[in-house]
Amino acid sequence: MNNIIFTLLTTFLQIGLLSIGGGYAIIPLIQEQVVNSYNWLTLQEYTDIIAISQMTPGPLVVNTASFVGIRIAGIPGAIVATLGSILSGFIVSIVLYNFFKKHKDIDSISNVLKGLRSSSVGLIASAASTIIMIAFWGTSSFNFDNADINIVAIIVFIISLLLLRKYKPNPVLIIVVSGFAGLIFY
């Protein structure tokens, strides 16, 4: 048990260290570690954790770390995974704040930040496409069959998207209504 706790801590320290771009941008990195590398969770379990983490108050990365940790090693796992995801970012933020405060007028520093922002968009798009493929086809790979398409999920997605874009309701309302739709149709 101590070995898994230590592995959770070091894994989420690394994830926290590399979480450039924030919550949605880090989803593929967490997936790579907890689903692909360590096989702690199935892709479906991970997708469910992401969905729950989005609905839970607080930062997505912290919520995901907490849920993964509790799933893998109970309360101690949740504590170390959460601590690991926060600690790296906290230390890096302090160091970067001091660095940028001291060197704020250098153009190359500004250009590095622009590059990091651009890569964050790609990471977010990757996470979104993975979640969409799992919701619509039940797989995260591009090898899916149109016979496996989930029509209900696509309809709920389109209606939610249109409502959010046109009327801008509270997203919590959309989540609650979508949950009820899931109870009814699944």
Protein backbone atom coordinates (compact mmCIF):
# COMPACT_ATOMS: atom_id res chain seq x y z
CA MET A 1 0.00 0.00 0.00
CA ASN A 2 2.87 2.41 0.77
CA ASN A 3 4.28 1.81 -2.70
CA ILE A 4 1.01 2.80 -4.39
CA ILE A 5 0.74 5.90 -2.17
CA PHE A 6 4.27 6.95 -3.12
CA THR A 7 3.55 6.27 -6.82
CA LEU A 8 0.35 8.35 -6.64
CA LEU A 9 2.28 11.20 -5.01
CA THR A 10 5.11 11.20 -7.55
CA THR A 11 2.71 10.78 -10.47
CA PHE A 12 0.58 13.75 -9.44
CA LEU A 13 3.66 15.82 -8.59
CA GLN A 14 4.74 15.31 -12.22
CA ILE A 15 1.25 16.06 -13.50
CA GLY A 16 1.09 19.20 -11.38
CA LEU A 17 4.51 20.25 -12.65
CA LEU A 18 3.41 19.88 -16.27
CA SER A 19 -0.12 21.25 -15.96
CA ILE A 20 0.47 24.15 -18.29
CA GLY A 21 -2.86 25.50 -19.44
CA GLY A 22 -4.94 24.41 -16.49
CA GLY A 23 -7.80 21.97 -16.08
CA TYR A 24 -8.92 20.89 -19.52
CA ALA A 25 -5.44 21.02 -20.97
CA ILE A 26 -4.19 18.54 -18.37
CA ILE A 27 -6.89 15.89 -18.95
CA PRO A 28 -4.82 14.02 -21.61
CA LEU A 29 -1.75 13.93 -19.34
CA ILE A 30 -3.70 12.50 -16.40
CA GLN A 31 -5.31 9.99 -18.77
CA GLU A 32 -1.90 8.93 -20.07
CA GLN A 33 -0.72 8.22 -16.53
CA VAL A 34 -3.75 6.69 -14.80
CA VAL A 35 -5.27 4.81 -17.77
CA ASN A 36 -2.44 4.04 -20.18
CA SER A 37 0.74 3.86 -18.08
CA TYR A 38 -0.39 2.46 -14.71
CA ASN A 39 -3.72 0.90 -15.76
CA TRP A 40 -5.27 2.10 -12.51
CA LEU A 41 -8.54 2.95 -14.27
CA THR A 42 -10.33 1.98 -17.43
CA LEU A 43 -11.00 4.72 -19.95
CA GLN A 44 -14.70 4.63 -19.04
CA GLU A 45 -13.93 5.00 -15.32
CA TYR A 46 -11.61 7.91 -16.09
CA THR A 47 -14.23 9.60 -18.27
CA ASP A 48 -16.76 9.23 -15.45
CA ILE A 49 -14.30 10.79 -13.01
CA ILE A 50 -13.75 13.72 -15.39
CA ALA A 51 -17.52 14.25 -15.66
CA ILE A 52 -17.91 14.19 -11.87
CA SER A 53 -14.87 16.44 -11.42
CA GLN A 54 -16.41 19.04 -13.73
CA MET A 55 -19.61 19.11 -11.69
CA THR A 56 -17.83 19.32 -8.34
CA PRO A 57 -16.85 22.76 -7.03
CA GLY A 58 -13.15 23.48 -7.29
CA PRO A 59 -10.38 23.21 -9.88
CA LEU A 60 -10.71 20.33 -12.33
CA VAL A 61 -7.17 19.01 -11.77
CA VAL A 62 -7.56 18.97 -7.99
CA ASN A 63 -10.96 17.28 -8.16
CA THR A 64 -9.71 14.71 -10.65
CA ALA A 65 -6.63 13.98 -8.52
CA SER A 66 -8.83 13.55 -5.46
CA PHE A 67 -11.24 11.17 -7.21
CA VAL A 68 -8.44 9.14 -8.82
CA GLY A 69 -6.58 8.95 -5.50
CA ILE A 70 -9.64 7.79 -3.56
CA ARG A 71 -10.43 5.21 -6.25
CA ILE A 72 -6.89 3.81 -6.18
CA ALA A 73 -5.95 4.00 -2.49
CA GLY A 74 -8.84 5.38 -0.47
CA ILE A 75 -8.58 8.52 1.66
CA PRO A 76 -4.74 8.41 1.90
CA GLY A 77 -4.60 8.14 -1.90
CA ALA A 78 -6.91 11.13 -2.29
CA ILE A 79 -4.77 13.19 0.09
CA VAL A 80 -1.44 12.44 -1.60
CA ALA A 81 -2.79 12.76 -5.16
CA THR A 82 -4.40 16.10 -4.31
CA LEU A 83 -1.28 17.31 -2.52
CA GLY A 84 0.87 16.21 -5.46
CA SER A 85 -1.30 18.03 -7.98
CA ILE A 86 -1.21 21.25 -5.95
CA LEU A 87 2.34 21.33 -4.58
CA SER A 88 4.22 21.45 -7.90
CA GLY A 89 2.01 24.21 -9.28
CA PHE A 90 2.32 26.20 -6.07
CA ILE A 91 6.13 26.06 -6.07
CA VAL A 92 6.38 26.75 -9.82
CA SER A 93 3.96 29.69 -9.49
CA ILE A 94 6.06 31.31 -6.77
CA VAL A 95 9.27 30.84 -8.75
CA LEU A 96 7.72 32.08 -12.02
CA TYR A 97 6.09 35.06 -10.35
CA ASN A 98 9.45 36.20 -9.03
CA PHE A 99 11.14 35.51 -12.37
CA PHE A 100 8.56 37.41 -14.47
CA LYS A 101 8.45 40.25 -11.99
CA LYS A 102 12.20 40.64 -12.39
CA HIS A 103 12.31 40.13 -16.21
CA LYS A 104 8.91 41.46 -17.34
CA ASP A 105 10.29 43.73 -20.08
CA ILE A 106 12.14 41.06 -22.10
CA ASP A 107 10.47 40.20 -25.45
CA SER A 108 11.65 36.58 -25.53
CA ILE A 109 9.88 35.93 -22.22
CA SER A 110 6.64 37.25 -23.74
CA ASN A 111 7.14 35.01 -26.78
CA VAL A 112 7.60 31.91 -24.59
CA LEU A 113 4.28 32.66 -22.90
CA LYS A 114 2.56 33.02 -26.28
CA GLY A 115 3.87 29.59 -27.29
CA LEU A 116 2.65 28.04 -24.06
CA ARG A 117 -0.82 29.53 -24.57
CA SER A 118 -0.95 28.09 -28.10
CA SER A 119 -0.03 24.60 -26.91
CA SER A 120 -2.73 24.83 -24.25
CA VAL A 121 -5.37 25.26 -26.96
CA GLY A 122 -4.18 22.03 -28.60
CA LEU A 123 -4.26 20.16 -25.29
CA ILE A 124 -7.79 21.39 -24.58
CA ALA A 125 -8.93 20.38 -28.08
CA SER A 126 -7.40 16.92 -27.55
CA ALA A 127 -9.24 16.48 -24.25
CA ALA A 128 -12.52 17.65 -25.79
CA SER A 129 -12.20 15.30 -28.76
CA THR A 130 -11.46 12.35 -26.45
CA ILE A 131 -14.53 13.06 -24.31
CA ILE A 132 -16.71 13.53 -27.41
CA MET A 133 -15.53 10.26 -28.98
CA ILE A 134 -16.15 8.34 -25.74
CA ALA A 135 -19.61 9.88 -25.34
CA PHE A 136 -20.65 9.37 -28.97
CA TRP A 137 -18.88 6.09 -29.88
CA GLY A 138 -17.69 4.58 -26.60
CA THR A 139 -14.01 4.69 -27.59
CA SER A 140 -11.23 7.27 -27.58
CA SER A 141 -9.55 5.96 -30.71
CA PHE A 142 -10.38 6.93 -34.26
CA ASN A 143 -11.26 3.29 -35.03
CA PHE A 144 -14.99 3.47 -34.43
CA ASP A 145 -17.95 2.08 -36.29
CA ASN A 146 -20.91 4.25 -37.18
CA ALA A 147 -23.15 1.42 -35.98
CA ASP A 148 -21.89 2.09 -32.45
CA ILE A 149 -22.94 5.74 -32.49
CA ASN A 150 -24.93 6.93 -29.45
CA ILE A 151 -27.75 9.02 -30.95
CA VAL A 152 -29.11 10.06 -27.54
CA ALA A 153 -25.73 11.46 -26.51
CA ILE A 154 -25.47 13.43 -29.75
CA ILE A 155 -28.98 14.87 -29.33
CA VAL A 156 -28.31 15.87 -25.70
CA PHE A 157 -24.99 17.41 -26.78
CA ILE A 158 -26.53 19.44 -29.62
CA ILE A 159 -29.42 20.69 -27.49
CA SER A 160 -27.06 21.62 -24.64
CA LEU A 161 -24.68 23.38 -27.01
CA LEU A 162 -27.47 25.35 -28.68
CA LEU A 163 -29.04 26.34 -25.36
CA LEU A 164 -25.70 27.44 -23.92
CA ARG A 165 -24.72 29.44 -27.01
CA LYS A 166 -28.10 31.08 -27.68
CA TYR A 167 -29.69 31.60 -24.25
CA LYS A 168 -26.63 31.33 -21.96
CA PRO A 169 -28.43 29.62 -19.04
CA ASN A 170 -26.59 28.65 -15.90
CA PRO A 171 -24.44 25.60 -16.84
CA VAL A 172 -25.55 23.87 -13.64
CA LEU A 173 -29.09 23.84 -15.01
CA ILE A 174 -27.85 22.17 -18.21
CA ILE A 175 -25.93 19.58 -16.15
CA VAL A 176 -29.00 18.78 -14.02
CA VAL A 177 -31.30 18.50 -17.05
CA SER A 178 -28.73 16.34 -18.88
CA GLY A 179 -28.50 14.10 -15.81
CA PHE A 180 -32.26 13.63 -15.84
CA ALA A 181 -32.11 12.91 -19.58
CA GLY A 182 -29.52 10.23 -18.81
CA LEU A 183 -31.83 8.69 -16.19
CA ILE A 184 -34.73 8.63 -18.64
CA PHE A 185 -32.98 7.46 -21.80
CA TYR A 186 -30.34 5.12 -20.36
